[in-house]
Every structure is written in C-alpha cells, then in structure tokens.
Amino acid sequence: MPYNGQHGKRFSELEGETFDWVITVCNYVGDEDLPLPDGERLQWSVEDPGDMQVRGLSIDEAMREVRSDLQARIAQFIARPDL
C-alpha cells in the first residue's frame, strides 16, 4: 500500500525513459533478477521498513529512518566531483 501517496514503480512503468544513473535501494535486485534500464549503476543497501517493524519500530519511525538514510546518500552522491 502506498505511503502518503508514494509508491515504488515497476521498471515497465518507465519504458522508453532514459537514465544517466540507475540506483537500486534493496539487497535483492540485480542484473540476473530483472532487466534494469540502461545507465550507470549503483546499488545502495537500504533496510526494508517492513524489517524495521519486525525490530519494533512503527511504520512512521521506519519510514523516517529510510528517508534519513536516503537523504544522506543522495547528498553524498550529488556532491561527487565526477558528476
């Protein structure tokens, strides 16, 4: 179920789009699992909010942790001198 109207998109929804970078944010996506769009690739291991709930966090707490993690990674990514 989407959280605040947000949801992950299937690659099929992005057909015809071009990308400079493709960043996956889970531990189980790879070239062998499904075809990824063309582009430079990065894989960030971001904990699943559902797994965080198993550890006792509320969904709101889990989503905030993921958001903070991604904000930090994105800030580091866009600060790269090679971009």
PDB file of N, CA and C in Angstrom:
ATOM      1  N   MET A   1       0.845  -1.178   0.000  1.00  0.00           N
ATOM      2  CA  MET A   1       0.000   0.000   0.000  1.00  0.00           C
ATOM      3  C   MET A   1       0.890   1.240   0.000  1.00  0.00           C
ATOM      4  N   PRO A   2       0.575   2.235  -0.826  1.00  0.00           N
ATOM      5  CA  PRO A   2       1.396   3.452  -0.883  1.00  0.00           C
ATOM      6  C   PRO A   2       1.389   4.187   0.450  1.00  0.00           C
ATOM      7  N   TYR A   3       2.520   4.754   0.785  1.00  0.00           N
ATOM      8  CA  TYR A   3       2.664   5.565   1.991  1.00  0.00           C
ATOM      9  C   TYR A   3       2.567   7.021   1.590  1.00  0.00           C
ATOM     10  N   ASN A   4       1.553   7.716   2.073  1.00  0.00           N
ATOM     11  CA  ASN A   4       1.326   9.122   1.714  1.00  0.00           C
ATOM     12  C   ASN A   4       1.286   9.324   0.202  1.00  0.00           C
ATOM     13  N   GLY A   5       0.692   8.382  -0.497  1.00  0.00           N
ATOM     14  CA  GLY A   5       0.554   8.515  -1.945  1.00  0.00           C
ATOM     15  C   GLY A   5       1.803   8.135  -2.723  1.00  0.00           C
ATOM     16  N   GLN A   6       2.879   7.769  -2.056  1.00  0.00           N
ATOM     17  CA  GLN A   6       4.128   7.398  -2.721  1.00  0.00           C
ATOM     18  C   GLN A   6       4.164   5.888  -2.903  1.00  0.00           C
ATOM     19  N   HIS A   7       4.787   5.450  -3.973  1.00  0.00           N
ATOM     20  CA  HIS A   7       4.952   4.015  -4.179  1.00  0.00           C
ATOM     21  C   HIS A   7       6.122   3.765  -5.113  1.00  0.00           C
ATOM     22  N   GLY A   8       6.682   2.587  -4.965  1.00  0.00           N
ATOM     23  CA  GLY A   8       7.734   2.187  -5.889  1.00  0.00           C
ATOM     24  C   GLY A   8       7.133   1.959  -7.269  1.00  0.00           C
ATOM     25  N   LYS A   9       7.940   2.142  -8.277  1.00  0.00           N
ATOM     26  CA  LYS A   9       7.479   1.945  -9.647  1.00  0.00           C
ATOM     27  C   LYS A   9       8.159   0.722 -10.238  1.00  0.00           C
ATOM     28  N   ARG A  10       7.421   0.014 -11.038  1.00  0.00           N
ATOM     29  CA  ARG A  10       7.995  -1.097 -11.783  1.00  0.00           C
ATOM     30  C   ARG A  10       8.780  -0.521 -12.958  1.00  0.00           C
ATOM     31  N   PHE A  11       9.825  -1.240 -13.331  1.00  0.00           N
ATOM     32  CA  PHE A  11      10.607  -0.761 -14.473  1.00  0.00           C
ATOM     33  C   PHE A  11       9.749  -0.672 -15.724  1.00  0.00           C
ATOM     34  N   SER A  12       8.738  -1.521 -15.824  1.00  0.00           N
ATOM     35  CA  SER A  12       7.869  -1.477 -17.005  1.00  0.00           C
ATOM     36  C   SER A  12       7.126  -0.142 -17.097  1.00  0.00           C
ATOM     37  N   GLU A  13       6.897   0.530 -15.963  1.00  0.00           N
ATOM     38  CA  GLU A  13       6.245   1.842 -15.980  1.00  0.00           C
ATOM     39  C   GLU A  13       7.162   2.921 -16.544  1.00  0.00           C
ATOM     40  N   LEU A  14       8.438   2.631 -16.628  1.00  0.00           N
ATOM     41  CA  LEU A  14       9.422   3.608 -17.078  1.00  0.00           C
ATOM     42  C   LEU A  14       9.925   3.317 -18.486  1.00  0.00           C
ATOM     43  N   GLU A  15       9.248   2.417 -19.162  1.00  0.00           N
ATOM     44  CA  GLU A  15       9.677   2.017 -20.505  1.00  0.00           C
ATOM     45  C   GLU A  15       9.792   3.234 -21.411  1.00  0.00           C
ATOM     46  N   GLY A  16      10.880   3.296 -22.142  1.00  0.00           N
ATOM     47  CA  GLY A  16      11.119   4.400 -23.067  1.00  0.00           C
ATOM     48  C   GLY A  16      11.863   5.566 -22.439  1.00  0.00           C
ATOM     49  N   GLU A  17      11.994   5.573 -21.114  1.00  0.00           N
ATOM     50  CA  GLU A  17      12.736   6.627 -20.420  1.00  0.00           C
ATOM     51  C   GLU A  17      14.232   6.335 -20.530  1.00  0.00           C
ATOM     52  N   THR A  18      15.045   7.373 -20.488  1.00  0.00           N
ATOM     53  CA  THR A  18      16.492   7.191 -20.452  1.00  0.00           C
ATOM     54  C   THR A  18      17.019   7.730 -19.124  1.00  0.00           C
ATOM     55  N   PHE A  19      18.102   7.131 -18.666  1.00  0.00           N
ATOM     56  CA  PHE A  19      18.652   7.484 -17.368  1.00  0.00           C
ATOM     57  C   PHE A  19      20.160   7.617 -17.456  1.00  0.00           C
ATOM     58  N   ASP A  20      20.706   8.607 -16.745  1.00  0.00           N
ATOM     59  CA  ASP A  20      22.151   8.695 -16.589  1.00  0.00           C
ATOM     60  C   ASP A  20      22.606   7.708 -15.522  1.00  0.00           C
ATOM     61  N   TRP A  21      21.806   7.585 -14.468  1.00  0.00           N
ATOM     62  CA  TRP A  21      22.120   6.703 -13.349  1.00  0.00           C
ATOM     63  C   TRP A  21      20.904   5.877 -12.994  1.00  0.00           C
ATOM     64  N   VAL A  22      21.137   4.636 -12.607  1.00  0.00           N
ATOM     65  CA  VAL A  22      20.103   3.756 -12.067  1.00  0.00           C
ATOM     66  C   VAL A  22      20.604   3.326 -10.699  1.00  0.00           C
ATOM     67  N   ILE A  23      19.870   3.721  -9.657  1.00  0.00           N
ATOM     68  CA  ILE A  23      20.272   3.395  -8.290  1.00  0.00           C
ATOM     69  C   ILE A  23      19.199   2.499  -7.688  1.00  0.00           C
ATOM     70  N   THR A  24      19.572   1.274  -7.370  1.00  0.00           N
ATOM     71  CA  THR A  24      18.641   0.367  -6.705  1.00  0.00           C
ATOM     72  C   THR A  24      18.885   0.481  -5.207  1.00  0.00           C
ATOM     73  N   VAL A  25      17.817   0.302  -4.431  1.00  0.00           N
ATOM     74  CA  VAL A  25      17.920   0.545  -2.993  1.00  0.00           C
ATOM     75  C   VAL A  25      17.493  -0.667  -2.168  1.00  0.00           C
ATOM     76  N   CYS A  26      17.687  -1.844  -2.714  1.00  0.00           N
ATOM     77  CA  CYS A  26      17.377  -3.038  -1.946  1.00  0.00           C
ATOM     78  C   CYS A  26      18.472  -4.066  -2.191  1.00  0.00           C
ATOM     79  N   ASN A  27      18.450  -5.095  -1.396  1.00  0.00           N
ATOM     80  CA  ASN A  27      19.533  -6.077  -1.434  1.00  0.00           C
ATOM     81  C   ASN A  27      19.338  -7.175  -2.459  1.00  0.00           C
ATOM     82  N   TYR A  28      18.179  -7.276  -3.065  1.00  0.00           N
ATOM     83  CA  TYR A  28      17.918  -8.442  -3.900  1.00  0.00           C
ATOM     84  C   TYR A  28      17.694  -8.126  -5.367  1.00  0.00           C
ATOM     85  N   VAL A  29      17.941  -6.908  -5.813  1.00  0.00           N
ATOM     86  CA  VAL A  29      17.791  -6.582  -7.228  1.00  0.00           C
ATOM     87  C   VAL A  29      19.160  -6.649  -7.883  1.00  0.00           C
ATOM     88  N   GLY A  30      19.220  -7.330  -8.994  1.00  0.00           N
ATOM     89  CA  GLY A  30      20.467  -7.421  -9.732  1.00  0.00           C
ATOM     90  C   GLY A  30      20.189  -7.747 -11.175  1.00  0.00           C
ATOM     91  N   ASP A  31      21.210  -7.658 -11.990  1.00  0.00           N
ATOM     92  CA  ASP A  31      21.058  -7.920 -13.418  1.00  0.00           C
ATOM     93  C   ASP A  31      20.456  -9.287 -13.674  1.00  0.00           C
ATOM     94  N   GLU A  32      20.788 -10.245 -12.798  1.00  0.00           N
ATOM     95  CA  GLU A  32      20.293 -11.595 -13.031  1.00  0.00           C
ATOM     96  C   GLU A  32      18.821 -11.732 -12.657  1.00  0.00           C
ATOM     97  N   ASP A  33      18.311 -10.807 -11.837  1.00  0.00           N
ATOM     98  CA  ASP A  33      16.932 -10.894 -11.376  1.00  0.00           C
ATOM     99  C   ASP A  33      15.928 -10.278 -12.356  1.00  0.00           C
ATOM    100  N   LEU A  34      16.274  -9.159 -12.937  1.00  0.00           N
ATOM    101  CA  LEU A  34      15.375  -8.490 -13.865  1.00  0.00           C
ATOM    102  C   LEU A  34      16.165  -7.500 -14.693  1.00  0.00           C
ATOM    103  N   PRO A  35      15.658  -7.181 -15.852  1.00  0.00           N
ATOM    104  CA  PRO A  35      16.383  -6.223 -16.695  1.00  0.00           C
ATOM    105  C   PRO A  35      16.241  -4.813 -16.133  1.00  0.00           C
ATOM    106  N   LEU A  36      17.357  -4.166 -15.864  1.00  0.00           N
ATOM    107  CA  LEU A  36      17.355  -2.795 -15.379  1.00  0.00           C
ATOM    108  C   LEU A  36      17.499  -1.836 -16.557  1.00  0.00           C
ATOM    109  N   PRO A  37      16.969  -0.612 -16.432  1.00  0.00           N
ATOM    110  CA  PRO A  37      17.162   0.363 -17.506  1.00  0.00           C
ATOM    111  C   PRO A  37      18.646   0.650 -17.708  1.00  0.00           C
ATOM    112  N   ASP A  38      18.990   1.099 -18.898  1.00  0.00           N
ATOM    113  CA  ASP A  38      20.369   1.475 -19.184  1.00  0.00           C
ATOM    114  C   ASP A  38      20.756   2.678 -18.346  1.00  0.00           C
ATOM    115  N   GLY A  39      22.028   2.772 -18.016  1.00  0.00           N
ATOM    116  CA  GLY A  39      22.569   3.885 -17.242  1.00  0.00           C
ATOM    117  C   GLY A  39      23.651   3.360 -16.316  1.00  0.00           C
ATOM    118  N   GLU A  40      24.470   4.300 -15.816  1.00  0.00           N
ATOM    119  CA  GLU A  40      25.459   3.911 -14.808  1.00  0.00           C
ATOM    120  C   GLU A  40      24.689   3.354 -13.624  1.00  0.00           C
ATOM    121  N   ARG A  41      25.261   2.358 -12.964  1.00  0.00           N
ATOM    122  CA  ARG A  41      24.515   1.683 -11.902  1.00  0.00           C
ATOM    123  C   ARG A  41      25.206   1.781 -10.549  1.00  0.00           C
ATOM    124  N   LEU A  42      24.366   1.994  -9.546  1.00  0.00           N
ATOM    125  CA  LEU A  42      24.787   1.934  -8.159  1.00  0.00           C
ATOM    126  C   LEU A  42      23.772   1.087  -7.416  1.00  0.00           C
ATOM    127  N   GLN A  43      24.225   0.383  -6.383  1.00  0.00           N
ATOM    128  CA  GLN A  43      23.309  -0.386  -5.552  1.00  0.00           C
ATOM    129  C   GLN A  43      23.535   0.045  -4.118  1.00  0.00           C
ATOM    130  N   TRP A  44      22.484   0.597  -3.514  1.00  0.00           N
ATOM    131  CA  TRP A  44      22.540   1.012  -2.115  1.00  0.00           C
ATOM    132  C   TRP A  44      21.750   0.012  -1.293  1.00  0.00           C
ATOM    133  N   SER A  45      22.357  -0.522  -0.275  1.00  0.00           N
ATOM    134  CA  SER A  45      21.681  -1.461   0.609  1.00  0.00           C
ATOM    135  C   SER A  45      20.923  -0.661   1.665  1.00  0.00           C
ATOM    136  N   VAL A  46      19.623  -0.521   1.472  1.00  0.00           N
ATOM    137  CA  VAL A  46      18.763   0.231   2.388  1.00  0.00           C
ATOM    138  C   VAL A  46      17.815  -0.766   3.044  1.00  0.00           C
ATOM    139  N   GLU A  47      17.756  -0.719   4.367  1.00  0.00           N
ATOM    140  CA  GLU A  47      16.917  -1.674   5.087  1.00  0.00           C
ATOM    141  C   GLU A  47      15.443  -1.469   4.748  1.00  0.00           C
ATOM    142  N   ASP A  48      14.743  -2.556   4.569  1.00  0.00           N
ATOM    143  CA  ASP A  48      13.311  -2.539   4.270  1.00  0.00           C
ATOM    144  C   ASP A  48      12.537  -2.081   5.504  1.00  0.00           C
ATOM    145  N   PRO A  49      11.619  -1.107   5.351  1.00  0.00           N
ATOM    146  CA  PRO A  49      10.826  -0.665   6.503  1.00  0.00           C
ATOM    147  C   PRO A  49      10.053  -1.806   7.164  1.00  0.00           C
ATOM    148  N   GLY A  50       9.637  -2.795   6.402  1.00  0.00           N
ATOM    149  CA  GLY A  50       8.943  -3.946   6.984  1.00  0.00           C
ATOM    150  C   GLY A  50       9.832  -4.713   7.944  1.00  0.00           C
ATOM    151  N   ASP A  51      11.126  -4.822   7.604  1.00  0.00           N
ATOM    152  CA  ASP A  51      12.068  -5.486   8.504  1.00  0.00           C
ATOM    153  C   ASP A  51      12.268  -4.664   9.774  1.00  0.00           C
ATOM    154  N   MET A  52      12.222  -3.348   9.642  1.00  0.00           N
ATOM    155  CA  MET A  52      12.367  -2.472  10.806  1.00  0.00           C
ATOM    156  C   MET A  52      11.179  -2.637  11.749  1.00  0.00           C
ATOM    157  N   GLN A  53       9.999  -2.862  11.186  1.00  0.00           N
ATOM    158  CA  GLN A  53       8.820  -3.074  12.019  1.00  0.00           C
ATOM    159  C   GLN A  53       8.973  -4.358  12.838  1.00  0.00           C
ATOM    160  N   VAL A  54       9.582  -5.375  12.251  1.00  0.00           N
ATOM    161  CA  VAL A  54       9.826  -6.622  12.981  1.00  0.00           C
ATOM    162  C   VAL A  54      10.728  -6.347  14.180  1.00  0.00           C
ATOM    163  N   ARG A  55      11.624  -5.362  14.030  1.00  0.00           N
ATOM    164  CA  ARG A  55      12.521  -4.988  15.133  1.00  0.00           C
ATOM    165  C   ARG A  55      11.822  -4.093  16.156  1.00  0.00           C
ATOM    166  N   GLY A  56      10.549  -3.752  15.923  1.00  0.00           N
ATOM    167  CA  GLY A  56       9.794  -2.997  16.917  1.00  0.00           C
ATOM    168  C   GLY A  56       9.537  -1.543  16.578  1.00  0.00           C
ATOM    169  N   LEU A  57       9.997  -1.071  15.424  1.00  0.00           N
ATOM    170  CA  LEU A  57       9.727   0.302  15.040  1.00  0.00           C
ATOM    171  C   LEU A  57       8.328   0.404  14.441  1.00  0.00           C
ATOM    172  N   SER A  58       7.697   1.546  14.639  1.00  0.00           N
ATOM    173  CA  SER A  58       6.421   1.787  13.972  1.00  0.00           C
ATOM    174  C   SER A  58       6.709   2.058  12.499  1.00  0.00           C
ATOM    175  N   ILE A  59       5.691   1.985  11.666  1.00  0.00           N
ATOM    176  CA  ILE A  59       5.890   2.259  10.241  1.00  0.00           C
ATOM    177  C   ILE A  59       6.379   3.690  10.039  1.00  0.00           C
ATOM    178  N   ASP A  60       5.869   4.633  10.840  1.00  0.00           N
ATOM    179  CA  ASP A  60       6.329   6.021  10.721  1.00  0.00           C
ATOM    180  C   ASP A  60       7.811   6.153  11.074  1.00  0.00           C
ATOM    181  N   GLU A  61       8.229   5.499  12.149  1.00  0.00           N
ATOM    182  CA  GLU A  61       9.640   5.533  12.543  1.00  0.00           C
ATOM    183  C   GLU A  61      10.515   4.888  11.463  1.00  0.00           C
ATOM    184  N   ALA A  62      10.064   3.768  10.944  1.00  0.00           N
ATOM    185  CA  ALA A  62      10.824   3.063   9.909  1.00  0.00           C
ATOM    186  C   ALA A  62      10.962   3.923   8.658  1.00  0.00           C
ATOM    187  N   MET A  63       9.879   4.542   8.233  1.00  0.00           N
ATOM    188  CA  MET A  63       9.933   5.380   7.035  1.00  0.00           C
ATOM    189  C   MET A  63      10.835   6.590   7.257  1.00  0.00           C
ATOM    190  N   ARG A  64      10.823   7.153   8.463  1.00  0.00           N
ATOM    191  CA  ARG A  64      11.720   8.283   8.761  1.00  0.00           C
ATOM    192  C   ARG A  64      13.180   7.844   8.700  1.00  0.00           C
ATOM    193  N   GLU A  65      13.471   6.647   9.219  1.00  0.00           N
ATOM    194  CA  GLU A  65      14.853   6.144   9.161  1.00  0.00           C
ATOM    195  C   GLU A  65      15.303   5.957   7.715  1.00  0.00           C
ATOM    196  N   VAL A  66      14.444   5.362   6.897  1.00  0.00           N
ATOM    197  CA  VAL A  66      14.781   5.164   5.487  1.00  0.00           C
ATOM    198  C   VAL A  66      14.973   6.517   4.802  1.00  0.00           C
ATOM    199  N   ARG A  67      14.067   7.453   5.071  1.00  0.00           N
ATOM    200  CA  ARG A  67      14.175   8.791   4.472  1.00  0.00           C
ATOM    201  C   ARG A  67      15.503   9.435   4.841  1.00  0.00           C
ATOM    202  N   SER A  68      15.880   9.368   6.121  1.00  0.00           N
ATOM    203  CA  SER A  68      17.136   9.976   6.560  1.00  0.00           C
ATOM    204  C   SER A  68      18.341   9.309   5.904  1.00  0.00           C
ATOM    205  N   ASP A  69      18.305   7.997   5.813  1.00  0.00           N
ATOM    206  CA  ASP A  69      19.382   7.253   5.161  1.00  0.00           C
ATOM    207  C   ASP A  69      19.515   7.688   3.703  1.00  0.00           C
ATOM    208  N   LEU A  70      18.391   7.736   3.000  1.00  0.00           N
ATOM    209  CA  LEU A  70      18.432   8.118   1.579  1.00  0.00           C
ATOM    210  C   LEU A  70      18.847   9.572   1.406  1.00  0.00           C
ATOM    211  N   GLN A  71      18.390  10.470   2.273  1.00  0.00           N
ATOM    212  CA  GLN A  71      18.806  11.873   2.179  1.00  0.00           C
ATOM    213  C   GLN A  71      20.322  11.994   2.280  1.00  0.00           C
ATOM    214  N   ALA A  72      20.919  11.274   3.225  1.00  0.00           N
ATOM    215  CA  ALA A  72      22.368  11.326   3.395  1.00  0.00           C
ATOM    216  C   ALA A  72      23.090  10.758   2.175  1.00  0.00           C
ATOM    217  N   ARG A  73      22.604   9.648   1.664  1.00  0.00           N
ATOM    218  CA  ARG A  73      23.241   9.034   0.486  1.00  0.00           C
ATOM    219  C   ARG A  73      23.119   9.929  -0.745  1.00  0.00           C
ATOM    220  N   ILE A  74      21.958  10.531  -0.916  1.00  0.00           N
ATOM    221  CA  ILE A  74      21.753  11.416  -2.068  1.00  0.00           C
ATOM    222  C   ILE A  74      22.661  12.643  -1.962  1.00  0.00           C
ATOM    223  N   ALA A  75      22.776  13.216  -0.768  1.00  0.00           N
ATOM    224  CA  ALA A  75      23.657  14.371  -0.582  1.00  0.00           C
ATOM    225  C   ALA A  75      25.095  14.011  -0.944  1.00  0.00           C
ATOM    226  N   GLN A  76      25.565  12.839  -0.499  1.00  0.00           N
ATOM    227  CA  GLN A  76      26.919  12.398  -0.847  1.00  0.00           C
ATOM    228  C   GLN A  76      27.050  12.169  -2.344  1.00  0.00           C
ATOM    229  N   PHE A  77      26.014  11.587  -2.942  1.00  0.00           N
ATOM    230  CA  PHE A  77      26.058  11.283  -4.377  1.00  0.00           C
ATOM    231  C   PHE A  77      26.157  12.561  -5.205  1.00  0.00           C
ATOM    232  N   ILE A  78      25.319  13.555  -4.905  1.00  0.00           N
ATOM    233  CA  ILE A  78      25.331  14.762  -5.740  1.00  0.00           C
ATOM    234  C   ILE A  78      26.542  15.653  -5.460  1.00  0.00           C
ATOM    235  N   ALA A  79      27.235  15.409  -4.351  1.00  0.00           N
ATOM    236  CA  ALA A  79      28.447  16.171  -4.052  1.00  0.00           C
ATOM    237  C   ALA A  79      29.687  15.586  -4.744  1.00  0.00           C
ATOM    238  N   ARG A  80      29.524  14.460  -5.419  1.00  0.00           N
ATOM    239  CA  ARG A  80      30.664  13.819  -6.083  1.00  0.00           C
ATOM    240  C   ARG A  80      31.249  14.756  -7.139  1.00  0.00           C
ATOM    241  N   PRO A  81      32.546  14.881  -7.167  1.00  0.00           N
ATOM    242  CA  PRO A  81      33.166  15.772  -8.149  1.00  0.00           C
ATOM    243  C   PRO A  81      33.075  15.248  -9.589  1.00  0.00           C
ATOM    244  N   ASP A  82      32.819  13.954  -9.764  1.00  0.00           N
ATOM    245  CA  ASP A  82      32.790  13.378 -11.112  1.00  0.00           C
ATOM    246  C   ASP A  82      31.406  13.489 -11.780  1.00  0.00           C
ATOM    247  N   LEU A  83      30.450  14.113 -11.120  1.00  0.00           N
ATOM    248  CA  LEU A  83      29.117  14.226 -11.731  1.00  0.00           C
ATOM    249  C   LEU A  83      29.015  15.463 -12.575  1.00  0.00           C
TER     250      LEU A  83
END
